[in-house]
Amino acid sequence: MRCIRIAFTVRPEANLEEVKAAIADFVAALAAHHPAHRYSSFQVSENPREFIHVGELAEEAVSDFQSQPFFRSFSNFLHTQCEDPPKATPLTRVASTLPANR
């Protein structure tokens, strides 16, 4: 599995409901892309314009993931909504409640 954290802050004028709907559509498309993907989106309570995504992506599906129409569409949308481009950070799992084979 490839683990990643993506953080971004949307502009003050961004419609948060529209952003959250786009995130929900993206996460649903990601789940349909490969059954082993695990992905969650969080909205920061203290700053509702800030979002953090944490994902574990099936290694064998990563190579074509970014070329998928749903990924390109969401990325294009997000870049129009964000103050700065989303920042992706690779992660290494230390411990989890998930089974070790995931």
PDB file of N, CA and C in Angstrom:
ATOM      1  N   MET A   1       0.844  -1.180   0.000  1.00  0.00           N
ATOM      2  CA  MET A   1       0.000   0.000   0.000  1.00  0.00           C
ATOM      3  C   MET A   1       0.890   1.245   0.000  1.00  0.00           C
ATOM      4  N   ARG A   2       0.454   2.255  -0.700  1.00  0.00           N
ATOM      5  CA  ARG A   2       1.124   3.554  -0.691  1.00  0.00           C
ATOM      6  C   ARG A   2       0.270   4.498   0.147  1.00  0.00           C
ATOM      7  N   CYS A   3       0.872   5.054   1.180  1.00  0.00           N
ATOM      8  CA  CYS A   3       0.147   5.928   2.109  1.00  0.00           C
ATOM      9  C   CYS A   3       0.517   7.380   1.837  1.00  0.00           C
ATOM     10  N   ILE A   4      -0.499   8.241   1.945  1.00  0.00           N
ATOM     11  CA  ILE A   4      -0.284   9.652   1.625  1.00  0.00           C
ATOM     12  C   ILE A   4      -1.213  10.536   2.453  1.00  0.00           C
ATOM     13  N   ARG A   5      -0.733  11.721   2.723  1.00  0.00           N
ATOM     14  CA  ARG A   5      -1.535  12.763   3.368  1.00  0.00           C
ATOM     15  C   ARG A   5      -1.567  13.949   2.423  1.00  0.00           C
ATOM     16  N   ILE A   6      -2.751  14.493   2.217  1.00  0.00           N
ATOM     17  CA  ILE A   6      -2.892  15.661   1.352  1.00  0.00           C
ATOM     18  C   ILE A   6      -3.619  16.740   2.154  1.00  0.00           C
ATOM     19  N   ALA A   7      -3.009  17.916   2.219  1.00  0.00           N
ATOM     20  CA  ALA A   7      -3.589  19.018   2.978  1.00  0.00           C
ATOM     21  C   ALA A   7      -3.796  20.213   2.051  1.00  0.00           C
ATOM     22  N   PHE A   8      -4.919  20.886   2.262  1.00  0.00           N
ATOM     23  CA  PHE A   8      -5.186  22.092   1.479  1.00  0.00           C
ATOM     24  C   PHE A   8      -6.169  22.979   2.215  1.00  0.00           C
ATOM     25  N   THR A   9      -6.127  24.261   1.867  1.00  0.00           N
ATOM     26  CA  THR A   9      -7.049  25.240   2.411  1.00  0.00           C
ATOM     27  C   THR A   9      -7.724  25.933   1.235  1.00  0.00           C
ATOM     28  N   VAL A  10      -9.052  25.974   1.278  1.00  0.00           N
ATOM     29  CA  VAL A  10      -9.783  26.619   0.192  1.00  0.00           C
ATOM     30  C   VAL A  10      -9.893  28.115   0.458  1.00  0.00           C
ATOM     31  N   ARG A  11     -10.099  28.847  -0.598  1.00  0.00           N
ATOM     32  CA  ARG A  11     -10.218  30.306  -0.522  1.00  0.00           C
ATOM     33  C   ARG A  11     -11.439  30.713   0.308  1.00  0.00           C
ATOM     34  N   PRO A  12     -11.387  31.900   0.901  1.00  0.00           N
ATOM     35  CA  PRO A  12     -12.532  32.367   1.709  1.00  0.00           C
ATOM     36  C   PRO A  12     -13.838  32.409   0.913  1.00  0.00           C
ATOM     37  N   GLU A  13     -13.752  32.695  -0.376  1.00  0.00           N
ATOM     38  CA  GLU A  13     -14.971  32.793  -1.184  1.00  0.00           C
ATOM     39  C   GLU A  13     -15.472  31.444  -1.708  1.00  0.00           C
ATOM     40  N   ALA A  14     -14.739  30.374  -1.442  1.00  0.00           N
ATOM     41  CA  ALA A  14     -15.151  29.047  -1.920  1.00  0.00           C
ATOM     42  C   ALA A  14     -16.441  28.615  -1.219  1.00  0.00           C
ATOM     43  N   ASN A  15     -17.303  27.973  -1.972  1.00  0.00           N
ATOM     44  CA  ASN A  15     -18.537  27.426  -1.427  1.00  0.00           C
ATOM     45  C   ASN A  15     -18.195  26.091  -0.768  1.00  0.00           C
ATOM     46  N   LEU A  16     -18.209  26.061   0.569  1.00  0.00           N
ATOM     47  CA  LEU A  16     -17.783  24.854   1.289  1.00  0.00           C
ATOM     48  C   LEU A  16     -18.665  23.648   0.980  1.00  0.00           C
ATOM     49  N   GLU A  17     -19.946  23.854   0.784  1.00  0.00           N
ATOM     50  CA  GLU A  17     -20.834  22.730   0.462  1.00  0.00           C
ATOM     51  C   GLU A  17     -20.475  22.140  -0.915  1.00  0.00           C
ATOM     52  N   GLU A  18     -20.124  23.012  -1.850  1.00  0.00           N
ATOM     53  CA  GLU A  18     -19.708  22.550  -3.178  1.00  0.00           C
ATOM     54  C   GLU A  18     -18.379  21.788  -3.085  1.00  0.00           C
ATOM     55  N   VAL A  19     -17.466  22.287  -2.281  1.00  0.00           N
ATOM     56  CA  VAL A  19     -16.174  21.617  -2.093  1.00  0.00           C
ATOM     57  C   VAL A  19     -16.391  20.246  -1.463  1.00  0.00           C
ATOM     58  N   LYS A  20     -17.211  20.177  -0.418  1.00  0.00           N
ATOM     59  CA  LYS A  20     -17.457  18.902   0.255  1.00  0.00           C
ATOM     60  C   LYS A  20     -18.172  17.909  -0.659  1.00  0.00           C
ATOM     61  N   ALA A  21     -19.061  18.388  -1.513  1.00  0.00           N
ATOM     62  CA  ALA A  21     -19.736  17.499  -2.471  1.00  0.00           C
ATOM     63  C   ALA A  21     -18.728  16.947  -3.481  1.00  0.00           C
ATOM     64  N   ALA A  22     -17.813  17.783  -3.951  1.00  0.00           N
ATOM     65  CA  ALA A  22     -16.784  17.328  -4.888  1.00  0.00           C
ATOM     66  C   ALA A  22     -15.861  16.307  -4.222  1.00  0.00           C
ATOM     67  N   ILE A  23     -15.541  16.529  -2.952  1.00  0.00           N
ATOM     68  CA  ILE A  23     -14.705  15.574  -2.217  1.00  0.00           C
ATOM     69  C   ILE A  23     -15.437  14.240  -2.098  1.00  0.00           C
ATOM     70  N   ALA A  24     -16.706  14.269  -1.747  1.00  0.00           N
ATOM     71  CA  ALA A  24     -17.490  13.033  -1.611  1.00  0.00           C
ATOM     72  C   ALA A  24     -17.540  12.265  -2.934  1.00  0.00           C
ATOM     73  N   ASP A  25     -17.713  12.973  -4.042  1.00  0.00           N
ATOM     74  CA  ASP A  25     -17.724  12.326  -5.360  1.00  0.00           C
ATOM     75  C   ASP A  25     -16.362  11.701  -5.665  1.00  0.00           C
ATOM     76  N   PHE A  26     -15.294  12.421  -5.331  1.00  0.00           N
ATOM     77  CA  PHE A  26     -13.944  11.917  -5.564  1.00  0.00           C
ATOM     78  C   PHE A  26     -13.684  10.656  -4.751  1.00  0.00           C
ATOM     79  N   VAL A  27     -14.050  10.678  -3.482  1.00  0.00           N
ATOM     80  CA  VAL A  27     -13.816   9.518  -2.620  1.00  0.00           C
ATOM     81  C   VAL A  27     -14.622   8.314  -3.112  1.00  0.00           C
ATOM     82  N   ALA A  28     -15.846   8.539  -3.556  1.00  0.00           N
ATOM     83  CA  ALA A  28     -16.660   7.445  -4.100  1.00  0.00           C
ATOM     84  C   ALA A  28     -16.021   6.866  -5.368  1.00  0.00           C
ATOM     85  N   ALA A  29     -15.519   7.726  -6.236  1.00  0.00           N
ATOM     86  CA  ALA A  29     -14.858   7.255  -7.465  1.00  0.00           C
ATOM     87  C   ALA A  29     -13.570   6.511  -7.132  1.00  0.00           C
ATOM     88  N   LEU A  30     -12.869   6.970  -6.137  1.00  0.00           N
ATOM     89  CA  LEU A  30     -11.644   6.297  -5.709  1.00  0.00           C
ATOM     90  C   LEU A  30     -11.955   4.901  -5.180  1.00  0.00           C
ATOM     91  N   ALA A  31     -13.010   4.772  -4.409  1.00  0.00           N
ATOM     92  CA  ALA A  31     -13.416   3.462  -3.896  1.00  0.00           C
ATOM     93  C   ALA A  31     -13.782   2.517  -5.035  1.00  0.00           C
ATOM     94  N   ALA A  32     -14.415   3.045  -6.069  1.00  0.00           N
ATOM     95  CA  ALA A  32     -14.776   2.223  -7.227  1.00  0.00           C
ATOM     96  C   ALA A  32     -13.556   1.864  -8.071  1.00  0.00           C
ATOM     97  N   HIS A  33     -12.515   2.670  -8.008  1.00  0.00           N
ATOM     98  CA  HIS A  33     -11.307   2.440  -8.795  1.00  0.00           C
ATOM     99  C   HIS A  33     -10.603   1.158  -8.392  1.00  0.00           C
ATOM    100  N   HIS A  34     -10.511   0.888  -7.090  1.00  0.00           N
ATOM    101  CA  HIS A  34      -9.867  -0.339  -6.608  1.00  0.00           C
ATOM    102  C   HIS A  34     -10.419  -0.667  -5.221  1.00  0.00           C
ATOM    103  N   PRO A  35     -10.824  -1.909  -4.991  1.00  0.00           N
ATOM    104  CA  PRO A  35     -11.460  -2.246  -3.711  1.00  0.00           C
ATOM    105  C   PRO A  35     -10.532  -2.157  -2.498  1.00  0.00           C
ATOM    106  N   ALA A  36      -9.221  -2.174  -2.702  1.00  0.00           N
ATOM    107  CA  ALA A  36      -8.291  -2.120  -1.569  1.00  0.00           C
ATOM    108  C   ALA A  36      -7.947  -0.694  -1.138  1.00  0.00           C
ATOM    109  N   HIS A  37      -8.299   0.307  -1.958  1.00  0.00           N
ATOM    110  CA  HIS A  37      -8.020   1.691  -1.561  1.00  0.00           C
ATOM    111  C   HIS A  37      -8.757   2.016  -0.258  1.00  0.00           C
ATOM    112  N   ARG A  38      -8.080   2.728   0.624  1.00  0.00           N
ATOM    113  CA  ARG A  38      -8.681   3.274   1.846  1.00  0.00           C
ATOM    114  C   ARG A  38      -8.380   4.763   1.833  1.00  0.00           C
ATOM    115  N   TYR A  39      -9.407   5.580   1.962  1.00  0.00           N
ATOM    116  CA  TYR A  39      -9.205   7.017   1.801  1.00  0.00           C
ATOM    117  C   TYR A  39     -10.240   7.745   2.636  1.00  0.00           C
ATOM    118  N   SER A  40      -9.792   8.744   3.377  1.00  0.00           N
ATOM    119  CA  SER A  40     -10.695   9.549   4.197  1.00  0.00           C
ATOM    120  C   SER A  40     -10.370  11.022   4.025  1.00  0.00           C
ATOM    121  N   SER A  41     -11.408  11.828   4.089  1.00  0.00           N
ATOM    122  CA  SER A  41     -11.255  13.277   4.030  1.00  0.00           C
ATOM    123  C   SER A  41     -11.763  13.853   5.340  1.00  0.00           C
ATOM    124  N   PHE A  42     -11.001  14.790   5.885  1.00  0.00           N
ATOM    125  CA  PHE A  42     -11.366  15.441   7.140  1.00  0.00           C
ATOM    126  C   PHE A  42     -11.383  16.946   6.948  1.00  0.00           C
ATOM    127  N   GLN A  43     -12.352  17.594   7.574  1.00  0.00           N
ATOM    128  CA  GLN A  43     -12.417  19.052   7.613  1.00  0.00           C
ATOM    129  C   GLN A  43     -11.947  19.464   9.003  1.00  0.00           C
ATOM    130  N   VAL A  44     -11.008  20.382   9.076  1.00  0.00           N
ATOM    131  CA  VAL A  44     -10.445  20.806  10.358  1.00  0.00           C
ATOM    132  C   VAL A  44     -11.494  21.628  11.114  1.00  0.00           C
ATOM    133  N   SER A  45     -11.797  21.203  12.322  1.00  0.00           N
ATOM    134  CA  SER A  45     -12.854  21.844  13.110  1.00  0.00           C
ATOM    135  C   SER A  45     -12.578  23.319  13.380  1.00  0.00           C
ATOM    136  N   GLU A  46     -11.335  23.652  13.702  1.00  0.00           N
ATOM    137  CA  GLU A  46     -10.995  25.032  14.045  1.00  0.00           C
ATOM    138  C   GLU A  46     -10.927  25.947  12.818  1.00  0.00           C
ATOM    139  N   ASN A  47     -10.781  25.357  11.643  1.00  0.00           N
ATOM    140  CA  ASN A  47     -10.726  26.142  10.402  1.00  0.00           C
ATOM    141  C   ASN A  47     -11.469  25.369   9.322  1.00  0.00           C
ATOM    142  N   PRO A  48     -12.755  25.609   9.145  1.00  0.00           N
ATOM    143  CA  PRO A  48     -13.565  24.841   8.197  1.00  0.00           C
ATOM    144  C   PRO A  48     -13.110  24.932   6.736  1.00  0.00           C
ATOM    145  N   ARG A  49     -12.206  25.864   6.433  1.00  0.00           N
ATOM    146  CA  ARG A  49     -11.695  25.969   5.060  1.00  0.00           C
ATOM    147  C   ARG A  49     -10.496  25.047   4.836  1.00  0.00           C
ATOM    148  N   GLU A  50     -10.031  24.388   5.895  1.00  0.00           N
ATOM    149  CA  GLU A  50      -8.861  23.513   5.811  1.00  0.00           C
ATOM    150  C   GLU A  50      -9.304  22.047   5.795  1.00  0.00           C
ATOM    151  N   PHE A  51      -8.718  21.291   4.868  1.00  0.00           N
ATOM    152  CA  PHE A  51      -9.047  19.875   4.714  1.00  0.00           C
ATOM    153  C   PHE A  51      -7.773  19.045   4.734  1.00  0.00           C
ATOM    154  N   ILE A  52      -7.898  17.851   5.281  1.00  0.00           N
ATOM    155  CA  ILE A  52      -6.796  16.895   5.289  1.00  0.00           C
ATOM    156  C   ILE A  52      -7.344  15.569   4.783  1.00  0.00           C
ATOM    157  N   HIS A  53      -6.665  15.022   3.795  1.00  0.00           N
ATOM    158  CA  HIS A  53      -7.019  13.707   3.258  1.00  0.00           C
ATOM    159  C   HIS A  53      -5.914  12.736   3.640  1.00  0.00           C
ATOM    160  N   VAL A  54      -6.299  11.539   4.037  1.00  0.00           N
ATOM    161  CA  VAL A  54      -5.343  10.483   4.345  1.00  0.00           C
ATOM    162  C   VAL A  54      -5.770   9.269   3.542  1.00  0.00           C
ATOM    163  N   GLY A  55      -4.831   8.749   2.763  1.00  0.00           N
ATOM    164  CA  GLY A  55      -5.163   7.623   1.914  1.00  0.00           C
ATOM    165  C   GLY A  55      -4.133   6.517   1.953  1.00  0.00           C
ATOM    166  N   GLU A  56      -4.633   5.312   1.774  1.00  0.00           N
ATOM    167  CA  GLU A  56      -3.796   4.148   1.546  1.00  0.00           C
ATOM    168  C   GLU A  56      -4.265   3.586   0.209  1.00  0.00           C
ATOM    169  N   LEU A  57      -3.382   3.636  -0.764  1.00  0.00           N
ATOM    170  CA  LEU A  57      -3.741   3.252  -2.126  1.00  0.00           C
ATOM    171  C   LEU A  57      -3.053   1.950  -2.500  1.00  0.00           C
ATOM    172  N   ALA A  58      -3.798   1.080  -3.155  1.00  0.00           N
ATOM    173  CA  ALA A  58      -3.247  -0.201  -3.594  1.00  0.00           C
ATOM    174  C   ALA A  58      -2.089   0.060  -4.553  1.00  0.00           C
ATOM    175  N   GLU A  59      -0.940  -0.476  -4.226  1.00  0.00           N
ATOM    176  CA  GLU A  59       0.283  -0.221  -4.996  1.00  0.00           C
ATOM    177  C   GLU A  59       0.103  -0.531  -6.477  1.00  0.00           C
ATOM    178  N   GLU A  60      -0.563  -1.629  -6.784  1.00  0.00           N
ATOM    179  CA  GLU A  60      -0.723  -2.035  -8.187  1.00  0.00           C
ATOM    180  C   GLU A  60      -1.655  -1.110  -8.975  1.00  0.00           C
ATOM    181  N   ALA A  61      -2.414  -0.274  -8.289  1.00  0.00           N
ATOM    182  CA  ALA A  61      -3.341   0.627  -8.972  1.00  0.00           C
ATOM    183  C   ALA A  61      -2.848   2.072  -9.006  1.00  0.00           C
ATOM    184  N   VAL A  62      -1.749   2.349  -8.333  1.00  0.00           N
ATOM    185  CA  VAL A  62      -1.254   3.727  -8.249  1.00  0.00           C
ATOM    186  C   VAL A  62      -0.795   4.247  -9.601  1.00  0.00           C
ATOM    187  N   SER A  63      -0.209   3.397 -10.419  1.00  0.00           N
ATOM    188  CA  SER A  63       0.370   3.860 -11.687  1.00  0.00           C
ATOM    189  C   SER A  63      -0.654   4.499 -12.624  1.00  0.00           C
ATOM    190  N   ASP A  64      -1.892   4.016 -12.615  1.00  0.00           N
ATOM    191  CA  ASP A  64      -2.880   4.629 -13.513  1.00  0.00           C
ATOM    192  C   ASP A  64      -3.871   5.534 -12.788  1.00  0.00           C
ATOM    193  N   PHE A  65      -3.725   5.646 -11.481  1.00  0.00           N
ATOM    194  CA  PHE A  65      -4.655   6.426 -10.667  1.00  0.00           C
ATOM    195  C   PHE A  65      -4.767   7.879 -11.123  1.00  0.00           C
ATOM    196  N   GLN A  66      -3.629   8.547 -11.306  1.00  0.00           N
ATOM    197  CA  GLN A  66      -3.656   9.966 -11.639  1.00  0.00           C
ATOM    198  C   GLN A  66      -4.086  10.249 -13.077  1.00  0.00           C
ATOM    199  N   SER A  67      -4.152   9.230 -13.903  1.00  0.00           N
ATOM    200  CA  SER A  67      -4.612   9.442 -15.277  1.00  0.00           C
ATOM    201  C   SER A  67      -6.120   9.238 -15.421  1.00  0.00           C
ATOM    202  N   GLN A  68      -6.767   8.819 -14.357  1.00  0.00           N
ATOM    203  CA  GLN A  68      -8.206   8.569 -14.402  1.00  0.00           C
ATOM    204  C   GLN A  68      -8.978   9.883 -14.526  1.00  0.00           C
ATOM    205  N   PRO A  69     -10.066   9.896 -15.301  1.00  0.00           N
ATOM    206  CA  PRO A  69     -10.858  11.125 -15.458  1.00  0.00           C
ATOM    207  C   PRO A  69     -11.342  11.709 -14.127  1.00  0.00           C
ATOM    208  N   PHE A  70     -11.747  10.868 -13.190  1.00  0.00           N
ATOM    209  CA  PHE A  70     -12.230  11.387 -11.909  1.00  0.00           C
ATOM    210  C   PHE A  70     -11.121  12.109 -11.145  1.00  0.00           C
ATOM    211  N   PHE A  71      -9.889  11.624 -11.261  1.00  0.00           N
ATOM    212  CA  PHE A  71      -8.767  12.273 -10.590  1.00  0.00           C
ATOM    213  C   PHE A  71      -8.462  13.618 -11.237  1.00  0.00           C
ATOM    214  N   ARG A  72      -8.387  13.629 -12.552  1.00  0.00           N
ATOM    215  CA  ARG A  72      -8.089  14.880 -13.265  1.00  0.00           C
ATOM    216  C   ARG A  72      -9.164  15.923 -13.004  1.00  0.00           C
ATOM    217  N   SER A  73     -10.422  15.504 -13.027  1.00  0.00           N
ATOM    218  CA  SER A  73     -11.534  16.432 -12.801  1.00  0.00           C
ATOM    219  C   SER A  73     -11.474  17.038 -11.394  1.00  0.00           C
ATOM    220  N   PHE A  74     -11.257  16.189 -10.387  1.00  0.00           N
ATOM    221  CA  PHE A  74     -11.187  16.680  -9.021  1.00  0.00           C
ATOM    222  C   PHE A  74      -9.968  17.583  -8.829  1.00  0.00           C
ATOM    223  N   SER A  75      -8.837  17.192  -9.378  1.00  0.00           N
ATOM    224  CA  SER A  75      -7.620  18.009  -9.256  1.00  0.00           C
ATOM    225  C   SER A  75      -7.822  19.382  -9.873  1.00  0.00           C
ATOM    226  N   ASN A  76      -8.416  19.425 -11.057  1.00  0.00           N
ATOM    227  CA  ASN A  76      -8.676  20.708 -11.720  1.00  0.00           C
ATOM    228  C   ASN A  76      -9.619  21.574 -10.878  1.00  0.00           C
ATOM    229  N   PHE A  77     -10.678  20.965 -10.363  1.00  0.00           N
ATOM    230  CA  PHE A  77     -11.619  21.695  -9.519  1.00  0.00           C
ATOM    231  C   PHE A  77     -10.913  22.241  -8.277  1.00  0.00           C
ATOM    232  N   LEU A  78     -10.151  21.374  -7.611  1.00  0.00           N
ATOM    233  CA  LEU A  78      -9.492  21.762  -6.370  1.00  0.00           C
ATOM    234  C   LEU A  78      -8.519  22.911  -6.586  1.00  0.00           C
ATOM    235  N   HIS A  79      -7.794  22.885  -7.678  1.00  0.00           N
ATOM    236  CA  HIS A  79      -6.836  23.962  -7.946  1.00  0.00           C
ATOM    237  C   HIS A  79      -7.523  25.310  -8.138  1.00  0.00           C
ATOM    238  N   THR A  80      -8.787  25.314  -8.564  1.00  0.00           N
ATOM    239  CA  THR A  80      -9.516  26.578  -8.699  1.00  0.00           C
ATOM    240  C   THR A  80     -10.058  27.067  -7.354  1.00  0.00           C
ATOM    241  N   GLN A  81     -10.124  26.180  -6.368  1.00  0.00           N
ATOM    242  CA  GLN A  81     -10.720  26.510  -5.076  1.00  0.00           C
ATOM    243  C   GLN A  81      -9.707  26.825  -3.982  1.00  0.00           C
ATOM    244  N   CYS A  82      -8.465  26.407  -4.167  1.00  0.00           N
ATOM    245  CA  CYS A  82      -7.468  26.490  -3.091  1.00  0.00           C
ATOM    246  C   CYS A  82      -6.671  27.786  -3.102  1.00  0.00           C
ATOM    247  N   GLU A  83      -6.264  28.195  -1.905  1.00  0.00           N
ATOM    248  CA  GLU A  83      -5.368  29.341  -1.766  1.00  0.00           C
ATOM    249  C   GLU A  83      -3.999  29.004  -2.340  1.00  0.00           C
ATOM    250  N   ASP A  84      -3.511  27.828  -2.037  1.00  0.00           N
ATOM    251  CA  ASP A  84      -2.241  27.300  -2.544  1.00  0.00           C
ATOM    252  C   ASP A  84      -2.504  25.887  -3.038  1.00  0.00           C
ATOM    253  N   PRO A  85      -1.660  25.351  -3.896  1.00  0.00           N
ATOM    254  CA  PRO A  85      -1.885  23.978  -4.367  1.00  0.00           C
ATOM    255  C   PRO A  85      -1.898  22.993  -3.189  1.00  0.00           C
ATOM    256  N   PRO A  86      -2.684  21.935  -3.290  1.00  0.00           N
ATOM    257  CA  PRO A  86      -2.679  20.916  -2.238  1.00  0.00           C
ATOM    258  C   PRO A  86      -1.263  20.365  -2.039  1.00  0.00           C
ATOM    259  N   LYS A  87      -0.919  20.084  -0.783  1.00  0.00           N
ATOM    260  CA  LYS A  87       0.405  19.563  -0.468  1.00  0.00           C
ATOM    261  C   LYS A  87       0.288  18.088  -0.121  1.00  0.00           C
ATOM    262  N   ALA A  88       0.974  17.253  -0.908  1.00  0.00           N
ATOM    263  CA  ALA A  88       0.983  15.813  -0.676  1.00  0.00           C
ATOM    264  C   ALA A  88       2.243  15.420   0.082  1.00  0.00           C
ATOM    265  N   THR A  89       2.053  14.592   1.095  1.00  0.00           N
ATOM    266  CA  THR A  89       3.159  14.114   1.912  1.00  0.00           C
ATOM    267  C   THR A  89       3.085  12.593   1.985  1.00  0.00           C
ATOM    268  N   PRO A  90       4.128  11.883   1.512  1.00  0.00           N
ATOM    269  CA  PRO A  90       4.140  10.421   1.658  1.00  0.00           C
ATOM    270  C   PRO A  90       4.237  10.041   3.138  1.00  0.00           C
ATOM    271  N   LEU A  91       3.574   8.963   3.512  1.00  0.00           N
ATOM    272  CA  LEU A  91       3.557   8.502   4.893  1.00  0.00           C
ATOM    273  C   LEU A  91       4.036   7.056   4.980  1.00  0.00           C
ATOM    274  N   THR A  92       4.553   6.700   6.140  1.00  0.00           N
ATOM    275  CA  THR A  92       4.897   5.317   6.451  1.00  0.00           C
ATOM    276  C   THR A  92       4.116   4.933   7.697  1.00  0.00           C
ATOM    277  N   ARG A  93       3.340   3.868   7.595  1.00  0.00           N
ATOM    278  CA  ARG A  93       2.516   3.444   8.726  1.00  0.00           C
ATOM    279  C   ARG A  93       3.406   2.917   9.846  1.00  0.00           C
ATOM    280  N   VAL A  94       3.117   3.353  11.053  1.00  0.00           N
ATOM    281  CA  VAL A  94       3.825   2.889  12.228  1.00  0.00           C
ATOM    282  C   VAL A  94       2.947   1.887  12.990  1.00  0.00           C
ATOM    283  N   ALA A  95       1.666   2.210  13.150  1.00  0.00           N
ATOM    284  CA  ALA A  95       0.724   1.335  13.838  1.00  0.00           C
ATOM    285  C   ALA A  95      -0.673   1.657  13.356  1.00  0.00           C
ATOM    286  N   SER A  96      -1.557   0.676  13.449  1.00  0.00           N
ATOM    287  CA  SER A  96      -2.924   0.874  12.951  1.00  0.00           C
ATOM    288  C   SER A  96      -3.861  -0.152  13.561  1.00  0.00           C
ATOM    289  N   THR A  97      -5.137   0.167  13.567  1.00  0.00           N
ATOM    290  CA  THR A  97      -6.146  -0.811  13.954  1.00  0.00           C
ATOM    291  C   THR A  97      -6.535  -1.679  12.760  1.00  0.00           C
ATOM    292  N   LEU A  98      -6.077  -1.305  11.562  1.00  0.00           N
ATOM    293  CA  LEU A  98      -6.362  -2.102  10.370  1.00  0.00           C
ATOM    294  C   LEU A  98      -5.512  -3.359  10.363  1.00  0.00           C
ATOM    295  N   PRO A  99      -6.024  -4.437   9.754  1.00  0.00           N
ATOM    296  CA  PRO A  99      -5.202  -5.647   9.634  1.00  0.00           C
ATOM    297  C   PRO A  99      -3.895  -5.347   8.889  1.00  0.00           C
ATOM    298  N   ALA A 100      -2.842  -6.052   9.217  1.00  0.00           N
ATOM    299  CA  ALA A 100      -1.510  -5.824   8.659  1.00  0.00           C
ATOM    300  C   ALA A 100      -1.447  -5.995   7.146  1.00  0.00           C
ATOM    301  N   ASN A 101      -2.307  -6.803   6.557  1.00  0.00           N
ATOM    302  CA  ASN A 101      -2.237  -7.031   5.113  1.00  0.00           C
ATOM    303  C   ASN A 101      -2.908  -5.950   4.296  1.00  0.00           C
ATOM    304  N   ARG A 102      -3.408  -4.917   4.898  1.00  0.00           N
ATOM    305  CA  ARG A 102      -4.039  -3.838   4.145  1.00  0.00           C
ATOM    306  C   ARG A 102      -3.082  -2.736   3.889  1.00  0.00           C
TER     307      ARG A 102
END
